[in-house]
Amino acid sequence: MPFNKIKKDQTIFAVTDQNVLMPLVVSNVENDVEGLEGWLEVTTKMSDEEVSRHQSSHHQAYFRKLFIEPDGTSSRAGVFDSKEAAIEYAEMSIDSELRHLQSRMEALRAKRAKLRNV
C-alpha cells in the first residue's frame, strides 16, 4: 500500500540506522501542506509497547513527522507500511554490514600475515 493512502490510527513501522524496528501509530494526517501541493504531513507516536530511550530519541528526531510525496513515497528512508517489509529492510541492511565486516576481517588477516614476511 502506498503511503498516500495512510490513515489515522494506522500502524506503520520504522527501522533506525542501528536496525532497531519501531512500530509507530499515525496520530494525524494533514493533506494541506503549505508549499508542497499534493504532499501529506503525517504525525506519528510510539505504539503502546514499552520503548527504550534510544527508540524514543529516534522517534523524536526522525519519525515523529513524516512527509509523503504525491506518489506515496515517504520522505524518510526506513519507514514501511508493513512489519514484514521493515524486517526485510533491516535484514538486508544487517547482511550488508556483515559483508563489509567480513571484507574488513579478511583485509586485516592478510595484513597480519604480511607482517611475518617483511
Protein backbone atom coordinates (compact mmCIF):
# COMPACT_ATOMS: atom_id res chain seq x y z
CA MET A 1 0.00 0.00 0.00
CA PRO A 2 1.44 3.38 -0.93
CA PHE A 3 1.76 5.87 1.91
CA ASN A 4 -0.56 8.33 0.14
CA LYS A 5 -3.42 6.10 1.39
CA ILE A 6 -2.25 6.36 5.01
CA LYS A 7 -4.91 6.84 7.66
CA LYS A 8 -5.11 7.99 11.25
CA ASP A 9 -4.56 5.18 13.81
CA GLN A 10 -2.80 3.03 11.20
CA THR A 11 0.29 1.19 12.43
CA ILE A 12 3.43 1.71 10.38
CA PHE A 13 6.99 0.59 11.05
CA ALA A 14 10.31 2.41 11.17
CA VAL A 15 13.82 0.98 11.14
CA THR A 16 16.60 3.02 12.75
CA ASP A 17 20.13 3.27 11.42
CA GLN A 18 21.07 0.67 14.07
CA ASN A 19 18.41 -1.66 12.58
CA VAL A 20 16.01 -1.38 15.50
CA LEU A 21 12.38 -1.99 14.47
CA MET A 22 9.88 0.51 15.87
CA PRO A 23 6.10 0.22 15.48
CA LEU A 24 4.51 3.65 15.13
CA VAL A 25 0.89 4.76 15.15
CA VAL A 26 -0.30 7.53 12.84
CA SER A 27 -1.82 10.22 15.06
CA ASN A 28 -2.59 12.81 12.37
CA VAL A 29 -2.62 13.14 8.59
CA GLU A 30 -2.56 16.67 7.18
CA ASN A 31 -3.26 16.93 3.45
CA ASP A 32 -2.86 20.69 3.12
CA VAL A 33 0.89 21.21 3.41
CA GLU A 34 1.87 24.79 2.63
CA GLY A 35 4.21 24.98 -0.35
CA LEU A 36 4.00 21.25 -1.05
CA GLU A 37 0.97 20.66 -3.22
CA GLY A 38 -0.25 17.07 -3.11
CA TRP A 39 2.02 16.11 -0.21
CA LEU A 40 0.85 14.73 3.14
CA GLU A 41 2.26 15.60 6.54
CA VAL A 42 1.99 12.60 8.83
CA THR A 43 2.46 12.82 12.58
CA THR A 44 3.23 9.59 14.43
CA LYS A 45 3.51 8.45 18.01
CA MET A 46 5.20 5.44 19.52
CA SER A 47 2.95 2.41 19.88
CA ASP A 48 1.75 1.48 23.35
CA GLU A 49 4.55 -1.08 23.69
CA GLU A 50 7.40 -0.27 26.09
CA VAL A 51 10.01 1.81 24.32
CA SER A 52 13.65 2.35 25.10
CA ARG A 53 15.27 5.73 25.44
CA HIS A 54 17.04 5.00 22.15
CA GLN A 55 13.74 4.40 20.36
CA SER A 56 12.14 7.47 21.90
CA SER A 57 15.05 9.66 20.82
CA HIS A 58 14.99 8.30 17.27
CA HIS A 59 11.25 8.79 17.08
CA GLN A 60 11.52 12.43 18.12
CA ALA A 61 14.44 13.15 15.80
CA TYR A 62 13.44 11.24 12.67
CA PHE A 63 9.98 9.68 12.68
CA ARG A 64 7.56 11.96 14.57
CA LYS A 65 6.81 13.99 11.43
CA LEU A 66 6.93 12.40 8.00
CA PHE A 67 6.21 13.95 4.64
CA ILE A 68 4.65 11.79 1.95
CA GLU A 69 5.18 12.71 -1.68
CA PRO A 70 2.19 12.70 -4.06
CA ASP A 71 3.32 9.31 -5.45
CA GLY A 72 3.12 7.79 -1.95
CA THR A 73 6.86 7.78 -1.25
CA SER A 74 7.98 8.62 2.28
CA SER A 75 10.47 11.45 2.61
CA ARG A 76 12.29 9.37 5.23
CA ALA A 77 14.06 6.11 4.40
CA GLY A 78 13.37 3.20 6.70
CA VAL A 79 9.60 3.72 7.02
CA PHE A 80 7.24 0.94 5.93
CA ASP A 81 3.55 0.14 5.93
CA SER A 82 4.09 -3.50 6.93
CA LYS A 83 6.15 -5.20 9.61
CA GLU A 84 7.42 -7.77 7.10
CA ALA A 85 8.76 -5.06 4.76
CA ALA A 86 10.51 -3.37 7.69
CA ILE A 87 12.07 -6.66 8.79
CA GLU A 88 13.28 -7.39 5.24
CA TYR A 89 14.86 -3.93 5.05
CA ALA A 90 16.63 -4.41 8.39
CA GLU A 91 17.82 -7.89 7.37
CA MET A 92 19.26 -6.55 4.11
CA SER A 93 21.00 -3.75 5.99
CA ILE A 94 22.45 -6.20 8.52
CA ASP A 95 23.58 -8.53 5.71
CA SER A 96 25.32 -5.61 4.01
CA GLU A 97 27.06 -4.67 7.23
CA LEU A 98 28.14 -8.30 7.75
CA ARG A 99 29.63 -8.42 4.24
CA HIS A 100 31.53 -5.22 4.94
CA LEU A 101 32.84 -6.57 8.25
CA GLN A 102 33.82 -9.88 6.63
CA SER A 103 35.78 -7.99 3.98
CA ARG A 104 37.45 -5.89 6.64
CA MET A 105 38.38 -9.01 8.64
CA GLU A 106 39.91 -10.62 5.55
CA ALA A 107 41.95 -7.48 4.87
CA LEU A 108 43.20 -7.41 8.45
CA ARG A 109 44.15 -11.10 8.34
CA ALA A 110 46.09 -10.50 5.13
CA LYS A 111 47.85 -7.52 6.69
CA ARG A 112 48.75 -9.60 9.75
CA ALA A 113 50.13 -12.40 7.54
CA LYS A 114 52.34 -9.91 5.67
CA LEU A 115 53.91 -8.78 8.95
CA ARG A 116 55.75 -12.12 9.18
CA ASN A 117 57.11 -11.77 5.65
CA VAL A 118 58.77 -8.38 6.00
